[in-house]
Amino acid sequence: MKLRKRKTKSILDASIDSALLAVEIYNKPRTTFRSEGFITMMIMAWTRLFHAYFNIKIGDRYYHKKKNGHYDTVMVKKRHGS
């Protein structure tokens, strides 16, 4: 669990950095493609935010859809030393 919290914090920090960079890009007056750069970096920030959220809530669970339409929960086994 401690490893997951460190990974989540790292992803969350990257999300904050992406959002700050988006604002920095947008506020530079002579930067070309300001709007495109802002939008791209904000999308990356939101994506990382969702990754952090799902990492803490779901963890290492994945769902596999069977032929009958039902889903199976698949747990990923931790490797020794990870």
PDB file of N, CA and C in Angstrom:
ATOM      1  N   MET A   1       0.825  -1.196   0.000  1.00  0.00           N
ATOM      2  CA  MET A   1       0.000   0.000   0.000  1.00  0.00           C
ATOM      3  C   MET A   1       0.864   1.252   0.000  1.00  0.00           C
ATOM      4  N   LYS A   2       1.996   1.184   0.696  1.00  0.00           N
ATOM      5  CA  LYS A   2       2.888   2.343   0.764  1.00  0.00           C
ATOM      6  C   LYS A   2       3.450   2.664  -0.621  1.00  0.00           C
ATOM      7  N   LEU A   3       3.772   1.620  -1.391  1.00  0.00           N
ATOM      8  CA  LEU A   3       4.288   1.820  -2.743  1.00  0.00           C
ATOM      9  C   LEU A   3       3.234   2.482  -3.617  1.00  0.00           C
ATOM     10  N   ARG A   4       1.977   2.095  -3.483  1.00  0.00           N
ATOM     11  CA  ARG A   4       0.908   2.687  -4.273  1.00  0.00           C
ATOM     12  C   ARG A   4       0.737   4.166  -3.927  1.00  0.00           C
ATOM     13  N   LYS A   5       0.873   4.519  -2.645  1.00  0.00           N
ATOM     14  CA  LYS A   5       0.744   5.919  -2.247  1.00  0.00           C
ATOM     15  C   LYS A   5       1.874   6.755  -2.826  1.00  0.00           C
ATOM     16  N   ARG A   6       3.090   6.206  -2.858  1.00  0.00           N
ATOM     17  CA  ARG A   6       4.210   6.944  -3.448  1.00  0.00           C
ATOM     18  C   ARG A   6       4.001   7.134  -4.938  1.00  0.00           C
ATOM     19  N   LYS A   7       3.509   6.098  -5.616  1.00  0.00           N
ATOM     20  CA  LYS A   7       3.250   6.192  -7.049  1.00  0.00           C
ATOM     21  C   LYS A   7       2.142   7.197  -7.311  1.00  0.00           C
ATOM     22  N   THR A   8       1.095   7.188  -6.505  1.00  0.00           N
ATOM     23  CA  THR A   8      -0.011   8.121  -6.658  1.00  0.00           C
ATOM     24  C   THR A   8       0.460   9.549  -6.433  1.00  0.00           C
ATOM     25  N   LYS A   9       1.292   9.760  -5.424  1.00  0.00           N
ATOM     26  CA  LYS A   9       1.818  11.108  -5.164  1.00  0.00           C
ATOM     27  C   LYS A   9       2.672  11.579  -6.323  1.00  0.00           C
ATOM     28  N   SER A  10       3.464  10.703  -6.890  1.00  0.00           N
ATOM     29  CA  SER A  10       4.301  11.053  -8.027  1.00  0.00           C
ATOM     30  C   SER A  10       3.441  11.455  -9.235  1.00  0.00           C
ATOM     31  N   ILE A  11       2.378  10.707  -9.499  1.00  0.00           N
ATOM     32  CA  ILE A  11       1.474  11.027 -10.608  1.00  0.00           C
ATOM     33  C   ILE A  11       0.756  12.345 -10.332  1.00  0.00           C
ATOM     34  N   LEU A  12       0.348  12.562  -9.088  1.00  0.00           N
ATOM     35  CA  LEU A  12      -0.333  13.797  -8.727  1.00  0.00           C
ATOM     36  C   LEU A  12       0.598  15.004  -8.875  1.00  0.00           C
ATOM     37  N   ASP A  13       1.850  14.856  -8.480  1.00  0.00           N
ATOM     38  CA  ASP A  13       2.834  15.934  -8.654  1.00  0.00           C
ATOM     39  C   ASP A  13       3.037  16.253 -10.134  1.00  0.00           C
ATOM     40  N   ALA A  14       3.071  15.228 -10.969  1.00  0.00           N
ATOM     41  CA  ALA A  14       3.214  15.439 -12.412  1.00  0.00           C
ATOM     42  C   ALA A  14       1.989  16.168 -12.966  1.00  0.00           C
ATOM     43  N   SER A  15       0.820  15.881 -12.437  1.00  0.00           N
ATOM     44  CA  SER A  15      -0.395  16.566 -12.852  1.00  0.00           C
ATOM     45  C   SER A  15      -0.330  18.049 -12.517  1.00  0.00           C
ATOM     46  N   ILE A  16       0.119  18.358 -11.326  1.00  0.00           N
ATOM     47  CA  ILE A  16       0.245  19.757 -10.909  1.00  0.00           C
ATOM     48  C   ILE A  16       1.275  20.480 -11.775  1.00  0.00           C
ATOM     49  N   ASP A  17       2.399  19.827 -12.041  1.00  0.00           N
ATOM     50  CA  ASP A  17       3.433  20.428 -12.890  1.00  0.00           C
ATOM     51  C   ASP A  17       2.907  20.706 -14.299  1.00  0.00           C
ATOM     52  N   SER A  18       2.115  19.789 -14.842  1.00  0.00           N
ATOM     53  CA  SER A  18       1.545  19.983 -16.175  1.00  0.00           C
ATOM     54  C   SER A  18       0.578  21.170 -16.196  1.00  0.00           C
ATOM     55  N   ALA A  19      -0.230  21.297 -15.160  1.00  0.00           N
ATOM     56  CA  ALA A  19      -1.177  22.414 -15.092  1.00  0.00           C
ATOM     57  C   ALA A  19      -0.439  23.745 -14.970  1.00  0.00           C
ATOM     58  N   LEU A  20       0.591  23.778 -14.142  1.00  0.00           N
ATOM     59  CA  LEU A  20       1.370  25.006 -13.993  1.00  0.00           C
ATOM     60  C   LEU A  20       2.089  25.380 -15.283  1.00  0.00           C
ATOM     61  N   LEU A  21       2.601  24.385 -15.986  1.00  0.00           N
ATOM     62  CA  LEU A  21       3.255  24.644 -17.262  1.00  0.00           C
ATOM     63  C   LEU A  21       2.257  25.155 -18.295  1.00  0.00           C
ATOM     64  N   ALA A  22       1.037  24.638 -18.258  1.00  0.00           N
ATOM     65  CA  ALA A  22       0.000  25.112 -19.180  1.00  0.00           C
ATOM     66  C   ALA A  22      -0.268  26.594 -18.963  1.00  0.00           C
ATOM     67  N   VAL A  23      -0.384  27.008 -17.723  1.00  0.00           N
ATOM     68  CA  VAL A  23      -0.631  28.421 -17.422  1.00  0.00           C
ATOM     69  C   VAL A  23       0.581  29.266 -17.813  1.00  0.00           C
ATOM     70  N   GLU A  24       1.775  28.752 -17.554  1.00  0.00           N
ATOM     71  CA  GLU A  24       2.995  29.475 -17.925  1.00  0.00           C
ATOM     72  C   GLU A  24       3.082  29.671 -19.443  1.00  0.00           C
ATOM     73  N   ILE A  25       2.768  28.636 -20.199  1.00  0.00           N
ATOM     74  CA  ILE A  25       2.777  28.742 -21.664  1.00  0.00           C
ATOM     75  C   ILE A  25       1.762  29.786 -22.127  1.00  0.00           C
ATOM     76  N   TYR A  26       0.585  29.756 -21.553  1.00  0.00           N
ATOM     77  CA  TYR A  26      -0.465  30.667 -21.984  1.00  0.00           C
ATOM     78  C   TYR A  26      -0.127  32.122 -21.659  1.00  0.00           C
ATOM     79  N   ASN A  27       0.581  32.361 -20.556  1.00  0.00           N
ATOM     80  CA  ASN A  27       0.885  33.725 -20.129  1.00  0.00           C
ATOM     81  C   ASN A  27       2.096  34.337 -20.818  1.00  0.00           C
ATOM     82  N   LYS A  28       2.847  33.568 -21.584  1.00  0.00           N
ATOM     83  CA  LYS A  28       3.984  34.132 -22.312  1.00  0.00           C
ATOM     84  C   LYS A  28       3.462  34.787 -23.590  1.00  0.00           C
ATOM     85  N   PRO A  29       3.654  36.091 -23.752  1.00  0.00           N
ATOM     86  CA  PRO A  29       3.043  36.787 -24.881  1.00  0.00           C
ATOM     87  C   PRO A  29       3.643  36.455 -26.236  1.00  0.00           C
ATOM     88  N   ARG A  30       4.905  36.115 -26.316  1.00  0.00           N
ATOM     89  CA  ARG A  30       5.539  35.887 -27.606  1.00  0.00           C
ATOM     90  C   ARG A  30       5.615  34.409 -27.990  1.00  0.00           C
ATOM     91  N   THR A  31       5.017  33.552 -27.217  1.00  0.00           N
ATOM     92  CA  THR A  31       5.033  32.125 -27.523  1.00  0.00           C
ATOM     93  C   THR A  31       4.052  31.827 -28.655  1.00  0.00           C
ATOM     94  N   THR A  32       4.531  31.080 -29.648  1.00  0.00           N
ATOM     95  CA  THR A  32       3.619  30.672 -30.712  1.00  0.00           C
ATOM     96  C   THR A  32       2.822  29.453 -30.253  1.00  0.00           C
ATOM     97  N   PHE A  33       1.656  29.282 -30.820  1.00  0.00           N
ATOM     98  CA  PHE A  33       0.760  28.162 -30.485  1.00  0.00           C
ATOM     99  C   PHE A  33       0.415  28.145 -28.994  1.00  0.00           C
ATOM    100  N   ARG A  34       0.137  29.316 -28.435  1.00  0.00           N
ATOM    101  CA  ARG A  34      -0.185  29.403 -27.006  1.00  0.00           C
ATOM    102  C   ARG A  34      -1.415  28.589 -26.647  1.00  0.00           C
ATOM    103  N   SER A  35      -2.481  28.784 -27.402  1.00  0.00           N
ATOM    104  CA  SER A  35      -3.728  28.084 -27.077  1.00  0.00           C
ATOM    105  C   SER A  35      -3.563  26.578 -27.209  1.00  0.00           C
ATOM    106  N   GLU A  36      -2.891  26.137 -28.270  1.00  0.00           N
ATOM    107  CA  GLU A  36      -2.690  24.702 -28.485  1.00  0.00           C
ATOM    108  C   GLU A  36      -1.826  24.097 -27.377  1.00  0.00           C
ATOM    109  N   GLY A  37      -0.778  24.808 -26.996  1.00  0.00           N
ATOM    110  CA  GLY A  37       0.082  24.325 -25.917  1.00  0.00           C
ATOM    111  C   GLY A  37      -0.657  24.263 -24.593  1.00  0.00           C
ATOM    112  N   PHE A  38      -1.466  25.295 -24.321  1.00  0.00           N
ATOM    113  CA  PHE A  38      -2.248  25.314 -23.084  1.00  0.00           C
ATOM    114  C   PHE A  38      -3.219  24.137 -23.032  1.00  0.00           C
ATOM    115  N   ILE A  39      -3.952  23.942 -24.126  1.00  0.00           N
ATOM    116  CA  ILE A  39      -4.943  22.856 -24.166  1.00  0.00           C
ATOM    117  C   ILE A  39      -4.269  21.505 -24.003  1.00  0.00           C
ATOM    118  N   THR A  40      -3.157  21.297 -24.702  1.00  0.00           N
ATOM    119  CA  THR A  40      -2.448  20.017 -24.625  1.00  0.00           C
ATOM    120  C   THR A  40      -1.967  19.728 -23.210  1.00  0.00           C
ATOM    121  N   MET A  41      -1.356  20.728 -22.582  1.00  0.00           N
ATOM    122  CA  MET A  41      -0.826  20.505 -21.234  1.00  0.00           C
ATOM    123  C   MET A  41      -1.936  20.326 -20.200  1.00  0.00           C
ATOM    124  N   MET A  42      -3.065  21.029 -20.380  1.00  0.00           N
ATOM    125  CA  MET A  42      -4.175  20.852 -19.441  1.00  0.00           C
ATOM    126  C   MET A  42      -4.822  19.482 -19.596  1.00  0.00           C
ATOM    127  N   ILE A  43      -4.900  18.990 -20.812  1.00  0.00           N
ATOM    128  CA  ILE A  43      -5.427  17.632 -21.014  1.00  0.00           C
ATOM    129  C   ILE A  43      -4.503  16.619 -20.341  1.00  0.00           C
ATOM    130  N   MET A  44      -3.199  16.832 -20.473  1.00  0.00           N
ATOM    131  CA  MET A  44      -2.247  15.930 -19.809  1.00  0.00           C
ATOM    132  C   MET A  44      -2.385  16.013 -18.291  1.00  0.00           C
ATOM    133  N   ALA A  45      -2.611  17.215 -17.768  1.00  0.00           N
ATOM    134  CA  ALA A  45      -2.785  17.383 -16.320  1.00  0.00           C
ATOM    135  C   ALA A  45      -4.030  16.641 -15.833  1.00  0.00           C
ATOM    136  N   TRP A  46      -5.151  16.781 -16.555  1.00  0.00           N
ATOM    137  CA  TRP A  46      -6.375  16.097 -16.175  1.00  0.00           C
ATOM    138  C   TRP A  46      -6.223  14.580 -16.274  1.00  0.00           C
ATOM    139  N   THR A  47      -5.549  14.129 -17.324  1.00  0.00           N
ATOM    140  CA  THR A  47      -5.340  12.686 -17.480  1.00  0.00           C
ATOM    141  C   THR A  47      -4.528  12.129 -16.324  1.00  0.00           C
ATOM    142  N   ARG A  48      -3.478  12.833 -15.951  1.00  0.00           N
ATOM    143  CA  ARG A  48      -2.660  12.382 -14.816  1.00  0.00           C
ATOM    144  C   ARG A  48      -3.436  12.436 -13.513  1.00  0.00           C
ATOM    145  N   LEU A  49      -4.296  13.423 -13.368  1.00  0.00           N
ATOM    146  CA  LEU A  49      -5.132  13.507 -12.173  1.00  0.00           C
ATOM    147  C   LEU A  49      -6.052  12.294 -12.072  1.00  0.00           C
ATOM    148  N   PHE A  50      -6.675  11.925 -13.192  1.00  0.00           N
ATOM    149  CA  PHE A  50      -7.525  10.726 -13.199  1.00  0.00           C
ATOM    150  C   PHE A  50      -6.717   9.461 -12.942  1.00  0.00           C
ATOM    151  N   HIS A  51      -5.506   9.378 -13.487  1.00  0.00           N
ATOM    152  CA  HIS A  51      -4.657   8.215 -13.222  1.00  0.00           C
ATOM    153  C   HIS A  51      -4.340   8.101 -11.737  1.00  0.00           C
ATOM    154  N   ALA A  52      -4.050   9.215 -11.092  1.00  0.00           N
ATOM    155  CA  ALA A  52      -3.765   9.197  -9.653  1.00  0.00           C
ATOM    156  C   ALA A  52      -4.998   8.746  -8.872  1.00  0.00           C
ATOM    157  N   TYR A  53      -6.165   9.268  -9.251  1.00  0.00           N
ATOM    158  CA  TYR A  53      -7.400   8.901  -8.561  1.00  0.00           C
ATOM    159  C   TYR A  53      -7.688   7.406  -8.698  1.00  0.00           C
ATOM    160  N   PHE A  54      -7.608   6.905  -9.929  1.00  0.00           N
ATOM    161  CA  PHE A  54      -7.913   5.495 -10.137  1.00  0.00           C
ATOM    162  C   PHE A  54      -6.839   4.590  -9.546  1.00  0.00           C
ATOM    163  N   ASN A  55      -5.615   5.046  -9.485  1.00  0.00           N
ATOM    164  CA  ASN A  55      -4.560   4.256  -8.867  1.00  0.00           C
ATOM    165  C   ASN A  55      -4.834   4.054  -7.379  1.00  0.00           C
ATOM    166  N   ILE A  56      -5.327   5.081  -6.708  1.00  0.00           N
ATOM    167  CA  ILE A  56      -5.591   4.954  -5.273  1.00  0.00           C
ATOM    168  C   ILE A  56      -6.909   4.221  -5.007  1.00  0.00           C
ATOM    169  N   LYS A  57      -7.907   4.379  -5.889  1.00  0.00           N
ATOM    170  CA  LYS A  57      -9.211   3.746  -5.670  1.00  0.00           C
ATOM    171  C   LYS A  57      -9.270   2.308  -6.172  1.00  0.00           C
ATOM    172  N   ILE A  58      -8.722   2.054  -7.352  1.00  0.00           N
ATOM    173  CA  ILE A  58      -8.834   0.734  -7.955  1.00  0.00           C
ATOM    174  C   ILE A  58      -7.586  -0.098  -7.725  1.00  0.00           C
ATOM    175  N   GLY A  59      -6.431   0.516  -7.820  1.00  0.00           N
ATOM    176  CA  GLY A  59      -5.189  -0.206  -7.610  1.00  0.00           C
ATOM    177  C   GLY A  59      -4.823  -1.064  -8.794  1.00  0.00           C
ATOM    178  N   ASP A  60      -4.530  -2.314  -8.550  1.00  0.00           N
ATOM    179  CA  ASP A  60      -4.063  -3.228  -9.581  1.00  0.00           C
ATOM    180  C   ASP A  60      -5.166  -4.168 -10.065  1.00  0.00           C
ATOM    181  N   ARG A  61      -6.405  -3.713 -10.050  1.00  0.00           N
ATOM    182  CA  ARG A  61      -7.514  -4.525 -10.544  1.00  0.00           C
ATOM    183  C   ARG A  61      -7.829  -4.139 -11.980  1.00  0.00           C
ATOM    184  N   TYR A  62      -8.085  -5.126 -12.773  1.00  0.00           N
ATOM    185  CA  TYR A  62      -8.497  -4.912 -14.148  1.00  0.00           C
ATOM    186  C   TYR A  62      -9.730  -5.758 -14.396  1.00  0.00           C
ATOM    187  N   TYR A  63     -10.511  -5.389 -15.366  1.00  0.00           N
ATOM    188  CA  TYR A  63     -11.750  -6.101 -15.661  1.00  0.00           C
ATOM    189  C   TYR A  63     -11.690  -6.665 -17.072  1.00  0.00           C
ATOM    190  N   HIS A  64     -12.069  -7.943 -17.173  1.00  0.00           N
ATOM    191  CA  HIS A  64     -12.059  -8.648 -18.457  1.00  0.00           C
ATOM    192  C   HIS A  64     -13.495  -9.013 -18.800  1.00  0.00           C
ATOM    193  N   LYS A  65     -13.921  -8.643 -20.009  1.00  0.00           N
ATOM    194  CA  LYS A  65     -15.291  -8.950 -20.425  1.00  0.00           C
ATOM    195  C   LYS A  65     -15.345 -10.348 -21.037  1.00  0.00           C
ATOM    196  N   LYS A  66     -16.221 -11.189 -20.476  1.00  0.00           N
ATOM    197  CA  LYS A  66     -16.390 -12.537 -20.994  1.00  0.00           C
ATOM    198  C   LYS A  66     -17.359 -12.517 -22.163  1.00  0.00           C
ATOM    199  N   LYS A  67     -17.457 -13.636 -22.862  1.00  0.00           N
ATOM    200  CA  LYS A  67     -18.332 -13.731 -24.029  1.00  0.00           C
ATOM    201  C   LYS A  67     -19.802 -13.552 -23.683  1.00  0.00           C
ATOM    202  N   ASN A  68     -20.190 -13.895 -22.459  1.00  0.00           N
ATOM    203  CA  ASN A  68     -21.596 -13.763 -22.063  1.00  0.00           C
ATOM    204  C   ASN A  68     -21.947 -12.339 -21.620  1.00  0.00           C
ATOM    205  N   GLY A  69     -20.980 -11.412 -21.676  1.00  0.00           N
ATOM    206  CA  GLY A  69     -21.254 -10.018 -21.339  1.00  0.00           C
ATOM    207  C   GLY A  69     -20.928  -9.635 -19.911  1.00  0.00           C
ATOM    208  N   HIS A  70     -20.621 -10.614 -19.061  1.00  0.00           N
ATOM    209  CA  HIS A  70     -20.263 -10.327 -17.676  1.00  0.00           C
ATOM    210  C   HIS A  70     -18.767 -10.006 -17.589  1.00  0.00           C
ATOM    211  N   TYR A  71     -18.399  -9.359 -16.514  1.00  0.00           N
ATOM    212  CA  TYR A  71     -17.002  -8.975 -16.310  1.00  0.00           C
ATOM    213  C   TYR A  71     -16.390  -9.776 -15.175  1.00  0.00           C
ATOM    214  N   ASP A  72     -15.142 -10.179 -15.366  1.00  0.00           N
ATOM    215  CA  ASP A  72     -14.357 -10.823 -14.314  1.00  0.00           C
ATOM    216  C   ASP A  72     -13.324  -9.829 -13.812  1.00  0.00           C
ATOM    217  N   THR A  73     -13.085  -9.831 -12.515  1.00  0.00           N
ATOM    218  CA  THR A  73     -12.037  -8.996 -11.939  1.00  0.00           C
ATOM    219  C   THR A  73     -10.741  -9.772 -12.003  1.00  0.00           C
ATOM    220  N   VAL A  74      -9.725  -9.161 -12.565  1.00  0.00           N
ATOM    221  CA  VAL A  74      -8.411  -9.774 -12.682  1.00  0.00           C
ATOM    222  C   VAL A  74      -7.464  -9.002 -11.788  1.00  0.00           C
ATOM    223  N   MET A  75      -6.854  -9.683 -10.838  1.00  0.00           N
ATOM    224  CA  MET A  75      -5.892  -9.041  -9.944  1.00  0.00           C
ATOM    225  C   MET A  75      -4.499  -9.294 -10.497  1.00  0.00           C
ATOM    226  N   VAL A  76      -3.711  -8.250 -10.575  1.00  0.00           N
ATOM    227  CA  VAL A  76      -2.340  -8.381 -11.043  1.00  0.00           C
ATOM    228  C   VAL A  76      -1.470  -8.760  -9.864  1.00  0.00           C
ATOM    229  N   LYS A  77      -0.728  -9.836 -10.016  1.00  0.00           N
ATOM    230  CA  LYS A  77       0.148 -10.297  -8.945  1.00  0.00           C
ATOM    231  C   LYS A  77       1.388  -9.426  -8.891  1.00  0.00           C
ATOM    232  N   LYS A  78       1.800  -9.105  -7.677  1.00  0.00           N
ATOM    233  CA  LYS A  78       3.020  -8.328  -7.489  1.00  0.00           C
ATOM    234  C   LYS A  78       4.222  -9.225  -7.683  1.00  0.00           C
ATOM    235  N   ARG A  79       5.210  -8.691  -8.418  1.00  0.00           N
ATOM    236  CA  ARG A  79       6.455  -9.419  -8.562  1.00  0.00           C
ATOM    237  C   ARG A  79       7.292  -9.235  -7.326  1.00  0.00           C
ATOM    238  N   HIS A  80       8.060 -10.219  -6.982  1.00  0.00           N
ATOM    239  CA  HIS A  80       8.921 -10.123  -5.818  1.00  0.00           C
ATOM    240  C   HIS A  80       9.976  -9.042  -6.076  1.00  0.00           C
ATOM    241  N   GLY A  81      10.084  -8.106  -5.161  1.00  0.00           N
ATOM    242  CA  GLY A  81      11.063  -7.048  -5.303  1.00  0.00           C
ATOM    243  C   GLY A  81      10.485  -5.758  -5.873  1.00  0.00           C
ATOM    244  N   SER A  82       9.187  -5.753  -6.254  1.00  0.00           N
ATOM    245  CA  SER A  82       8.574  -4.534  -6.793  1.00  0.00           C
ATOM    246  C   SER A  82       7.825  -3.805  -5.734  1.00  0.00           C
TER     247      SER A  82
END
